[in-house]
Amino acid sequence: MMKTAKLRLFVYRDVLRREWSAQGLHEKERRTAIKSAFYGKRSAIADRTDLSPAQRKDALSAARVERL
């Protein structure tokens, strides 16, 4: 009986570790996608010479808010 309980605990912990690892990988991928999108927008805004510095600043601020 004791061995069965220990085995169940081991299996349970193993499943939790795998799920925790999968969640961490998913979060890393999500954050990478968000960063990539933000840096793309930021570069596009910085390259726009038709905007005044104040307009670029406002656009960058809006891009930062979208990132959140």
PDB file of N, CA and C in Angstrom:
ATOM      1  N   MET A   1       0.826  -1.192   0.000  1.00  0.00           N
ATOM      2  CA  MET A   1       0.000   0.000   0.000  1.00  0.00           C
ATOM      3  C   MET A   1       0.869   1.254   0.000  1.00  0.00           C
ATOM      4  N   MET A   2       1.936   1.230   0.784  1.00  0.00           N
ATOM      5  CA  MET A   2       2.808   2.390   0.885  1.00  0.00           C
ATOM      6  C   MET A   2       3.514   2.662  -0.441  1.00  0.00           C
ATOM      7  N   LYS A   3       3.915   1.588  -1.140  1.00  0.00           N
ATOM      8  CA  LYS A   3       4.588   1.765  -2.421  1.00  0.00           C
ATOM      9  C   LYS A   3       3.655   2.388  -3.449  1.00  0.00           C
ATOM     10  N   THR A   4       2.394   2.030  -3.420  1.00  0.00           N
ATOM     11  CA  THR A   4       1.418   2.580  -4.354  1.00  0.00           C
ATOM     12  C   THR A   4       1.248   4.077  -4.128  1.00  0.00           C
ATOM     13  N   ALA A   5       1.178   4.490  -2.889  1.00  0.00           N
ATOM     14  CA  ALA A   5       1.032   5.908  -2.568  1.00  0.00           C
ATOM     15  C   ALA A   5       2.252   6.692  -3.021  1.00  0.00           C
ATOM     16  N   LYS A   6       3.441   6.133  -2.808  1.00  0.00           N
ATOM     17  CA  LYS A   6       4.664   6.815  -3.230  1.00  0.00           C
ATOM     18  C   LYS A   6       4.730   6.911  -4.747  1.00  0.00           C
ATOM     19  N   LEU A   7       4.291   5.848  -5.421  1.00  0.00           N
ATOM     20  CA  LEU A   7       4.296   5.843  -6.877  1.00  0.00           C
ATOM     21  C   LEU A   7       3.336   6.901  -7.417  1.00  0.00           C
ATOM     22  N   ARG A   8       2.160   7.001  -6.824  1.00  0.00           N
ATOM     23  CA  ARG A   8       1.188   8.014  -7.248  1.00  0.00           C
ATOM     24  C   ARG A   8       1.743   9.419  -7.046  1.00  0.00           C
ATOM     25  N   LEU A   9       2.389   9.642  -5.921  1.00  0.00           N
ATOM     26  CA  LEU A   9       2.980  10.940  -5.635  1.00  0.00           C
ATOM     27  C   LEU A   9       4.063  11.263  -6.656  1.00  0.00           C
ATOM     28  N   PHE A  10       4.893  10.283  -6.987  1.00  0.00           N
ATOM     29  CA  PHE A  10       5.944  10.476  -7.973  1.00  0.00           C
ATOM     30  C   PHE A  10       5.355  10.832  -9.334  1.00  0.00           C
ATOM     31  N   VAL A  11       4.325  10.109  -9.747  1.00  0.00           N
ATOM     32  CA  VAL A  11       3.675  10.362 -11.038  1.00  0.00           C
ATOM     33  C   VAL A  11       3.042  11.750 -11.035  1.00  0.00           C
ATOM     34  N   TYR A  12       2.371  12.087  -9.946  1.00  0.00           N
ATOM     35  CA  TYR A  12       1.727  13.393  -9.828  1.00  0.00           C
ATOM     36  C   TYR A  12       2.755  14.512  -9.954  1.00  0.00           C
ATOM     37  N   ARG A  13       3.867  14.397  -9.264  1.00  0.00           N
ATOM     38  CA  ARG A  13       4.918  15.411  -9.324  1.00  0.00           C
ATOM     39  C   ARG A  13       5.516  15.501 -10.726  1.00  0.00           C
ATOM     40  N   ASP A  14       5.681  14.355 -11.359  1.00  0.00           N
ATOM     41  CA  ASP A  14       6.222  14.335 -12.713  1.00  0.00           C
ATOM     42  C   ASP A  14       5.294  15.071 -13.679  1.00  0.00           C
ATOM     43  N   VAL A  15       4.007  14.822 -13.542  1.00  0.00           N
ATOM     44  CA  VAL A  15       3.027  15.503 -14.396  1.00  0.00           C
ATOM     45  C   VAL A  15       3.053  17.002 -14.133  1.00  0.00           C
ATOM     46  N   LEU A  16       3.119  17.400 -12.874  1.00  0.00           N
ATOM     47  CA  LEU A  16       3.186  18.828 -12.542  1.00  0.00           C
ATOM     48  C   LEU A  16       4.431  19.478 -13.137  1.00  0.00           C
ATOM     49  N   ARG A  17       5.565  18.810 -13.067  1.00  0.00           N
ATOM     50  CA  ARG A  17       6.803  19.365 -13.635  1.00  0.00           C
ATOM     51  C   ARG A  17       6.674  19.557 -15.141  1.00  0.00           C
ATOM     52  N   ARG A  18       6.097  18.571 -15.816  1.00  0.00           N
ATOM     53  CA  ARG A  18       5.934  18.680 -17.270  1.00  0.00           C
ATOM     54  C   ARG A  18       4.984  19.813 -17.633  1.00  0.00           C
ATOM     55  N   GLU A  19       3.889  19.941 -16.892  1.00  0.00           N
ATOM     56  CA  GLU A  19       2.940  21.016 -17.154  1.00  0.00           C
ATOM     57  C   GLU A  19       3.568  22.381 -16.866  1.00  0.00           C
ATOM     58  N   TRP A  20       4.334  22.474 -15.802  1.00  0.00           N
ATOM     59  CA  TRP A  20       5.013  23.720 -15.445  1.00  0.00           C
ATOM     60  C   TRP A  20       5.997  24.104 -16.545  1.00  0.00           C
ATOM     61  N   SER A  21       6.735  23.125 -17.030  1.00  0.00           N
ATOM     62  CA  SER A  21       7.697  23.368 -18.104  1.00  0.00           C
ATOM     63  C   SER A  21       6.993  23.814 -19.387  1.00  0.00           C
ATOM     64  N   ALA A  22       5.891  23.169 -19.719  1.00  0.00           N
ATOM     65  CA  ALA A  22       5.133  23.534 -20.919  1.00  0.00           C
ATOM     66  C   ALA A  22       4.571  24.952 -20.791  1.00  0.00           C
ATOM     67  N   GLN A  23       4.085  25.294 -19.621  1.00  0.00           N
ATOM     68  CA  GLN A  23       3.547  26.632 -19.399  1.00  0.00           C
ATOM     69  C   GLN A  23       4.659  27.674 -19.546  1.00  0.00           C
ATOM     70  N   GLY A  24       5.834  27.380 -19.005  1.00  0.00           N
ATOM     71  CA  GLY A  24       6.965  28.295 -19.121  1.00  0.00           C
ATOM     72  C   GLY A  24       7.368  28.512 -20.568  1.00  0.00           C
ATOM     73  N   LEU A  25       7.378  27.449 -21.345  1.00  0.00           N
ATOM     74  CA  LEU A  25       7.714  27.555 -22.765  1.00  0.00           C
ATOM     75  C   LEU A  25       6.668  28.383 -23.502  1.00  0.00           C
ATOM     76  N   HIS A  26       5.405  28.148 -23.191  1.00  0.00           N
ATOM     77  CA  HIS A  26       4.328  28.910 -23.822  1.00  0.00           C
ATOM     78  C   HIS A  26       4.462  30.402 -23.501  1.00  0.00           C
ATOM     79  N   GLU A  27       4.735  30.735 -22.249  1.00  0.00           N
ATOM     80  CA  GLU A  27       4.902  32.138 -21.846  1.00  0.00           C
ATOM     81  C   GLU A  27       6.091  32.775 -22.551  1.00  0.00           C
ATOM     82  N   LYS A  28       7.180  32.040 -22.671  1.00  0.00           N
ATOM     83  CA  LYS A  28       8.365  32.565 -23.345  1.00  0.00           C
ATOM     84  C   LYS A  28       8.052  32.887 -24.810  1.00  0.00           C
ATOM     85  N   GLU A  29       7.338  31.980 -25.472  1.00  0.00           N
ATOM     86  CA  GLU A  29       6.955  32.205 -26.868  1.00  0.00           C
ATOM     87  C   GLU A  29       6.028  33.407 -26.996  1.00  0.00           C
ATOM     88  N   ARG A  30       5.095  33.529 -26.072  1.00  0.00           N
ATOM     89  CA  ARG A  30       4.155  34.654 -26.101  1.00  0.00           C
ATOM     90  C   ARG A  30       4.883  35.981 -25.912  1.00  0.00           C
ATOM     91  N   ARG A  31       5.782  36.035 -24.965  1.00  0.00           N
ATOM     92  CA  ARG A  31       6.543  37.263 -24.714  1.00  0.00           C
ATOM     93  C   ARG A  31       7.442  37.619 -25.888  1.00  0.00           C
ATOM     94  N   THR A  32       8.032  36.609 -26.511  1.00  0.00           N
ATOM     95  CA  THR A  32       8.879  36.853 -27.679  1.00  0.00           C
ATOM     96  C   THR A  32       8.058  37.450 -28.817  1.00  0.00           C
ATOM     97  N   ALA A  33       6.857  36.942 -29.033  1.00  0.00           N
ATOM     98  CA  ALA A  33       5.985  37.468 -30.084  1.00  0.00           C
ATOM     99  C   ALA A  33       5.596  38.919 -29.794  1.00  0.00           C
ATOM    100  N   ILE A  34       5.284  39.212 -28.540  1.00  0.00           N
ATOM    101  CA  ILE A  34       4.910  40.575 -28.159  1.00  0.00           C
ATOM    102  C   ILE A  34       6.087  41.518 -28.370  1.00  0.00           C
ATOM    103  N   LYS A  35       7.279  41.099 -27.952  1.00  0.00           N
ATOM    104  CA  LYS A  35       8.467  41.936 -28.128  1.00  0.00           C
ATOM    105  C   LYS A  35       8.761  42.186 -29.599  1.00  0.00           C
ATOM    106  N   SER A  36       8.665  41.153 -30.404  1.00  0.00           N
ATOM    107  CA  SER A  36       8.947  41.293 -31.836  1.00  0.00           C
ATOM    108  C   SER A  36       7.985  42.288 -32.488  1.00  0.00           C
ATOM    109  N   ALA A  37       6.716  42.174 -32.152  1.00  0.00           N
ATOM    110  CA  ALA A  37       5.718  43.094 -32.712  1.00  0.00           C
ATOM    111  C   ALA A  37       6.015  44.530 -32.273  1.00  0.00           C
ATOM    112  N   PHE A  38       6.347  44.709 -31.010  1.00  0.00           N
ATOM    113  CA  PHE A  38       6.638  46.046 -30.514  1.00  0.00           C
ATOM    114  C   PHE A  38       7.866  46.635 -31.175  1.00  0.00           C
ATOM    115  N   TYR A  39       8.946  45.861 -31.265  1.00  0.00           N
ATOM    116  CA  TYR A  39      10.164  46.389 -31.871  1.00  0.00           C
ATOM    117  C   TYR A  39       9.962  46.703 -33.347  1.00  0.00           C
ATOM    118  N   GLY A  40       9.124  45.935 -34.025  1.00  0.00           N
ATOM    119  CA  GLY A  40       8.804  46.240 -35.424  1.00  0.00           C
ATOM    120  C   GLY A  40       8.079  47.566 -35.544  1.00  0.00           C
ATOM    121  N   LYS A  41       7.085  47.776 -34.689  1.00  0.00           N
ATOM    122  CA  LYS A  41       6.353  49.048 -34.698  1.00  0.00           C
ATOM    123  C   LYS A  41       7.267  50.203 -34.334  1.00  0.00           C
ATOM    124  N   ARG A  42       8.112  49.977 -33.332  1.00  0.00           N
ATOM    125  CA  ARG A  42       9.007  51.036 -32.886  1.00  0.00           C
ATOM    126  C   ARG A  42       9.956  51.459 -33.999  1.00  0.00           C
ATOM    127  N   SER A  43      10.500  50.497 -34.702  1.00  0.00           N
ATOM    128  CA  SER A  43      11.402  50.809 -35.809  1.00  0.00           C
ATOM    129  C   SER A  43      10.671  51.552 -36.918  1.00  0.00           C
ATOM    130  N   ALA A  44       9.465  51.109 -37.226  1.00  0.00           N
ATOM    131  CA  ALA A  44       8.689  51.764 -38.278  1.00  0.00           C
ATOM    132  C   ALA A  44       8.381  53.213 -37.909  1.00  0.00           C
ATOM    133  N   ILE A  45       8.057  53.445 -36.661  1.00  0.00           N
ATOM    134  CA  ILE A  45       7.755  54.811 -36.210  1.00  0.00           C
ATOM    135  C   ILE A  45       9.017  55.666 -36.238  1.00  0.00           C
ATOM    136  N   ALA A  46      10.129  55.133 -35.763  1.00  0.00           N
ATOM    137  CA  ALA A  46      11.378  55.892 -35.726  1.00  0.00           C
ATOM    138  C   ALA A  46      11.859  56.254 -37.128  1.00  0.00           C
ATOM    139  N   ASP A  47      11.540  55.424 -38.120  1.00  0.00           N
ATOM    140  CA  ASP A  47      11.972  55.675 -39.495  1.00  0.00           C
ATOM    141  C   ASP A  47      11.093  56.685 -40.230  1.00  0.00           C
ATOM    142  N   ARG A  48       9.977  57.038 -39.659  1.00  0.00           N
ATOM    143  CA  ARG A  48       9.063  57.978 -40.330  1.00  0.00           C
ATOM    144  C   ARG A  48       9.542  59.403 -40.150  1.00  0.00           C
ATOM    145  N   THR A  49      10.070  59.959 -41.216  1.00  0.00           N
ATOM    146  CA  THR A  49      10.574  61.341 -41.164  1.00  0.00           C
ATOM    147  C   THR A  49       9.473  62.349 -41.464  1.00  0.00           C
ATOM    148  N   ASP A  50       8.307  61.864 -41.903  1.00  0.00           N
ATOM    149  CA  ASP A  50       7.206  62.787 -42.187  1.00  0.00           C
ATOM    150  C   ASP A  50       6.507  63.242 -40.904  1.00  0.00           C
ATOM    151  N   LEU A  51       6.799  62.602 -39.788  1.00  0.00           N
ATOM    152  CA  LEU A  51       6.213  62.993 -38.508  1.00  0.00           C
ATOM    153  C   LEU A  51       7.149  63.927 -37.761  1.00  0.00           C
ATOM    154  N   SER A  52       6.569  64.831 -37.025  1.00  0.00           N
ATOM    155  CA  SER A  52       7.375  65.700 -36.176  1.00  0.00           C
ATOM    156  C   SER A  52       7.887  64.878 -34.991  1.00  0.00           C
ATOM    157  N   PRO A  53       8.933  65.361 -34.324  1.00  0.00           N
ATOM    158  CA  PRO A  53       9.415  64.617 -33.143  1.00  0.00           C
ATOM    159  C   PRO A  53       8.321  64.390 -32.097  1.00  0.00           C
ATOM    160  N   ALA A  54       7.447  65.349 -31.910  1.00  0.00           N
ATOM    161  CA  ALA A  54       6.364  65.196 -30.936  1.00  0.00           C
ATOM    162  C   ALA A  54       5.383  64.107 -31.387  1.00  0.00           C
ATOM    163  N   GLN A  55       5.096  64.058 -32.684  1.00  0.00           N
ATOM    164  CA  GLN A  55       4.195  63.025 -33.205  1.00  0.00           C
ATOM    165  C   GLN A  55       4.829  61.635 -33.082  1.00  0.00           C
ATOM    166  N   ARG A  56       6.127  61.548 -33.352  1.00  0.00           N
ATOM    167  CA  ARG A  56       6.819  60.262 -33.186  1.00  0.00           C
ATOM    168  C   ARG A  56       6.794  59.830 -31.724  1.00  0.00           C
ATOM    169  N   LYS A  57       7.004  60.778 -30.849  1.00  0.00           N
ATOM    170  CA  LYS A  57       6.970  60.474 -29.413  1.00  0.00           C
ATOM    171  C   LYS A  57       5.592  59.952 -29.008  1.00  0.00           C
ATOM    172  N   ASP A  58       4.544  60.596 -29.505  1.00  0.00           N
ATOM    173  CA  ASP A  58       3.177  60.147 -29.201  1.00  0.00           C
ATOM    174  C   ASP A  58       2.913  58.751 -29.763  1.00  0.00           C
ATOM    175  N   ALA A  59       3.379  58.505 -30.989  1.00  0.00           N
ATOM    176  CA  ALA A  59       3.174  57.204 -31.616  1.00  0.00           C
ATOM    177  C   ALA A  59       3.935  56.124 -30.862  1.00  0.00           C
ATOM    178  N   LEU A  60       5.159  56.424 -30.412  1.00  0.00           N
ATOM    179  CA  LEU A  60       5.923  55.464 -29.628  1.00  0.00           C
ATOM    180  C   LEU A  60       5.240  55.158 -28.295  1.00  0.00           C
ATOM    181  N   SER A  61       4.672  56.194 -27.709  1.00  0.00           N
ATOM    182  CA  SER A  61       3.951  56.008 -26.445  1.00  0.00           C
ATOM    183  C   SER A  61       2.749  55.080 -26.651  1.00  0.00           C
ATOM    184  N   ALA A  62       2.038  55.292 -27.747  1.00  0.00           N
ATOM    185  CA  ALA A  62       0.869  54.451 -28.040  1.00  0.00           C
ATOM    186  C   ALA A  62       1.314  53.003 -28.284  1.00  0.00           C
ATOM    187  N   ALA A  63       2.446  52.821 -28.958  1.00  0.00           N
ATOM    188  CA  ALA A  63       2.957  51.450 -29.204  1.00  0.00           C
ATOM    189  C   ALA A  63       3.331  50.774 -27.894  1.00  0.00           C
ATOM    190  N   ARG A  64       3.892  51.532 -26.973  1.00  0.00           N
ATOM    191  CA  ARG A  64       4.243  50.959 -25.667  1.00  0.00           C
ATOM    192  C   ARG A  64       2.995  50.524 -24.912  1.00  0.00           C
ATOM    193  N   VAL A  65       1.941  51.328 -24.988  1.00  0.00           N
ATOM    194  CA  VAL A  65       0.696  50.994 -24.305  1.00  0.00           C
ATOM    195  C   VAL A  65       0.088  49.728 -24.922  1.00  0.00           C
ATOM    196  N   GLU A  66       0.142  49.608 -26.247  1.00  0.00           N
ATOM    197  CA  GLU A  66      -0.382  48.411 -26.917  1.00  0.00           C
ATOM    198  C   GLU A  66       0.365  47.162 -26.462  1.00  0.00           C
ATOM    199  N   ARG A  67       1.648  47.313 -26.165  1.00  0.00           N
ATOM    200  CA  ARG A  67       2.469  46.174 -25.747  1.00  0.00           C
ATOM    201  C   ARG A  67       1.981  45.612 -24.417  1.00  0.00           C
ATOM    202  N   LEU A  68       1.453  46.472 -23.583  1.00  0.00           N
ATOM    203  CA  LEU A  68       0.981  46.012 -22.274  1.00  0.00           C
ATOM    204  C   LEU A  68      -0.288  45.245 -22.451  1.00  0.00           C
TER     205      LEU A  68
END
